[in-house]
Structures are given as C-alpha cells and as structure tokens.
C-alpha atoms as a PDB file:
ATOM      1  CA  MET A   1      92.383  58.590  66.163  1.00  0.00           C
ATOM      2  CA  THR A   2      94.822  61.623  66.045  1.00  0.00           C
ATOM      3  CA  THR A   3      95.055  64.029  69.182  1.00  0.00           C
ATOM      4  CA  LEU A   4      95.879  67.785  69.045  1.00  0.00           C
ATOM      5  CA  PRO A   5      99.144  68.718  70.542  1.00  0.00           C
ATOM      6  CA  ARG A   6      99.459  70.457  73.458  1.00  0.00           C
ATOM      7  CA  SER A   7     100.351  73.752  74.130  1.00  0.00           C
ATOM      8  CA  ILE A   8     103.419  74.949  75.978  1.00  0.00           C
ATOM      9  CA  ALA A   9     101.351  76.181  78.717  1.00  0.00           C
ATOM     10  CA  ALA A  10     100.279  72.539  79.631  1.00  0.00           C
ATOM     11  CA  LEU A  11     104.387  71.682  80.014  1.00  0.00           C
ATOM     12  CA  ASP A  12     104.742  74.778  82.261  1.00  0.00           C
ATOM     13  CA  VAL A  13     106.137  74.139  85.951  1.00  0.00           C
ATOM     14  CA  PRO A  14     105.518  76.913  88.458  1.00  0.00           C
ATOM     15  CA  LEU A  15     108.988  78.394  88.869  1.00  0.00           C
ATOM     16  CA  ALA A  16     108.279  78.035  92.914  1.00  0.00           C
ATOM     17  CA  ASP A  17     108.538  73.911  92.142  1.00  0.00           C
ATOM     18  CA  VAL A  18     111.542  74.449  89.908  1.00  0.00           C
ATOM     19  CA  GLU A  19     113.509  76.502  92.586  1.00  0.00           C
ATOM     20  CA  GLN A  20     112.503  73.954  95.267  1.00  0.00           C
ATOM     21  CA  GLU A  21     113.693  70.949  93.340  1.00  0.00           C
ATOM     22  CA  LEU A  22     117.060  72.974  92.586  1.00  0.00           C
ATOM     23  CA  ALA A  23     117.542  73.773  95.993  1.00  0.00           C
ATOM     24  CA  ALA A  24     116.975  70.003  97.166  1.00  0.00           C
ATOM     25  CA  GLU A  25     119.465  68.733  94.456  1.00  0.00           C
ATOM     26  CA  VAL A  26     122.118  71.095  95.470  1.00  0.00           C
ATOM     27  CA  LEU A  27     121.749  69.966  99.022  1.00  0.00           C
ATOM     28  CA  ILE A  28     121.597  66.267  98.002  1.00  0.00           C
ATOM     29  CA  ARG A  29     124.998  66.650  96.183  1.00  0.00           C
ATOM     30  CA  ALA A  30     126.326  68.763  99.173  1.00  0.00           C
ATOM     31  CA  ARG A  31     125.509  66.087 101.369  1.00  0.00           C
ATOM     32  CA  ALA A  32     127.331  63.459  99.292  1.00  0.00           C
ATOM     33  CA  ALA A  33     130.538  65.137  98.606  1.00  0.00           C
ATOM     34  CA  SER A  34     130.789  66.165 102.441  1.00  0.00           C
ATOM     35  CA  PRO A  35     133.511  64.316 104.583  1.00  0.00           C
ATOM     36  CA  SER A  36     132.246  65.855 107.615  1.00  0.00           C
ATOM     37  CA  PRO A  37     129.461  64.007 109.380  1.00  0.00           C
ATOM     38  CA  SER A  38     128.041  67.096 111.215  1.00  0.00           C
ATOM     39  CA  ASP A  39     127.630  68.678 107.502  1.00  0.00           C
ATOM     40  CA  ARG A  40     125.808  65.794 106.376  1.00  0.00           C
ATOM     41  CA  ILE A  41     123.383  65.942 109.176  1.00  0.00           C
ATOM     42  CA  ALA A  42     123.031  69.606 108.624  1.00  0.00           C
ATOM     43  CA  TYR A  43     122.143  68.888 104.925  1.00  0.00           C
ATOM     44  CA  ALA A  44     119.637  66.321 105.886  1.00  0.00           C
ATOM     45  CA  ASN A  45     118.053  68.777 108.299  1.00  0.00           C
ATOM     46  CA  ASP A  46     118.045  71.143 105.742  1.00  0.00           C
ATOM     47  CA  LEU A  47     116.518  68.820 103.161  1.00  0.00           C
ATOM     48  CA  TYR A  48     113.608  68.098 105.643  1.00  0.00           C
ATOM     49  CA  LEU A  49     112.715  71.685 106.413  1.00  0.00           C
ATOM     50  CA  LEU A  50     112.676  72.220 102.636  1.00  0.00           C
ATOM     51  CA  ALA A  51     110.144  69.361 101.958  1.00  0.00           C
ATOM     52  CA  HIS A  52     108.251  70.484 105.104  1.00  0.00           C
ATOM     53  CA  PRO A  53     107.741  74.231 105.188  1.00  0.00           C
ATOM     54  CA  GLU A  54     105.073  74.094 107.853  1.00  0.00           C
ATOM     55  CA  VAL A  55     107.466  73.216 110.660  1.00  0.00           C
ATOM     56  CA  CYS A  56     109.583  76.254 110.135  1.00  0.00           C
ATOM     57  CA  ALA A  57     108.834  79.257 112.282  1.00  0.00           C
ATOM     58  CA  VAL A  58     107.294  82.329 111.057  1.00  0.00           C
ATOM     59  CA  ASP A  59     107.200  85.816 112.935  1.00  0.00           C
ATOM     60  CA  ALA A  60     103.582  85.313 113.881  1.00  0.00           C
ATOM     61  CA  ASP A  61     105.194  82.544 115.954  1.00  0.00           C
ATOM     62  CA  TYR A  62     107.284  85.020 117.747  1.00  0.00           C
ATOM     63  CA  PRO A  63     105.467  88.256 118.383  1.00  0.00           C
ATOM     64  CA  GLY A  64     107.875  91.231 118.817  1.00  0.00           C
ATOM     65  CA  PHE A  65     111.054  89.267 118.145  1.00  0.00           C
ATOM     66  CA  ALA A  66     111.360  90.644 114.623  1.00  0.00           C
ATOM     67  CA  ALA A  67     111.113  94.494 116.183  1.00  0.00           C
ATOM     68  CA  TRP A  68     113.446  93.275 118.928  1.00  0.00           C
ATOM     69  CA  ILE A  69     116.354  91.828 116.488  1.00  0.00           C
ATOM     70  CA  ALA A  70     115.572  95.068 114.284  1.00  0.00           C
ATOM     71  CA  ASP A  71     116.561  97.164 117.787  1.00  0.00           C
ATOM     72  CA  GLN A  72     119.470  94.998 118.572  1.00  0.00           C
ATOM     73  CA  VAL A  73     121.043  95.277 114.970  1.00  0.00           C
ATOM     74  CA  ALA A  74     120.514  99.077 115.262  1.00  0.00           C
ATOM     75  CA  LYS A  75     122.117  99.217 118.757  1.00  0.00           C
ATOM     76  CA  ASN A  76     124.986  97.102 117.206  1.00  0.00           C
ATOM     77  CA  ARG A  77     125.566  99.317 114.393  1.00  0.00           C
ATOM     78  CA  THR A  78     125.954 102.612 116.437  1.00  0.00           C
ATOM     79  CA  VAL A  79     128.483 101.018 118.763  1.00  0.00           C
ATOM     80  CA  ARG A  80     130.390 100.053 116.230  1.00  0.00           C
ATOM     81  CA  ARG A  81     130.331 103.616 114.472  1.00  0.00           C
ATOM     82  CA  THR A  82     131.442 104.869 117.421  1.00  0.00           C
ATOM     83  CA  SER A  83     134.178 102.660 118.172  1.00  0.00           C
END
C-alpha cells in the first residue's frame, strides 16, 4: 500500500512556536556560557517565564499602572528638555 505524500502545509509550524523555541535555545546557551551565578539564575528564571506565560503580569492585573508610567515618562522627558 502506498501513501500519498503529505503537503508542505502539514509540516508547517506556527511562527510563535518557532520563536519560543529559538528564545529558549538562546537562553539555554547564554546560561551555559555565563560565568556569573546571578546571571545563570536570571536565565533560569527567564526560561521558566517563557515556558509559563500565565504567571506573567499583564496590564489588567494593575489597572491604571500603564497610564501612570506613561505620565512619569512624559514628566521625565519634560524635565530633561528644560535641564
């Protein structure tokens, strides 16, 4: 029995999956190459957050914070221009 060849569409991987795998690979290599224990901990934390996006905060978790930050940035720029 012969099977028909699969179409290229069957081999496609969503771009988001490829980007996440690439980011994880970069973090794993950076962690392995880092001589700093604190950097290795930071890379391990980044890997965890990459694998578990549900634990990351979003704007809805802190209502009004994004507007407050935007206001602080605007004030900072104003002060820098006048200095």
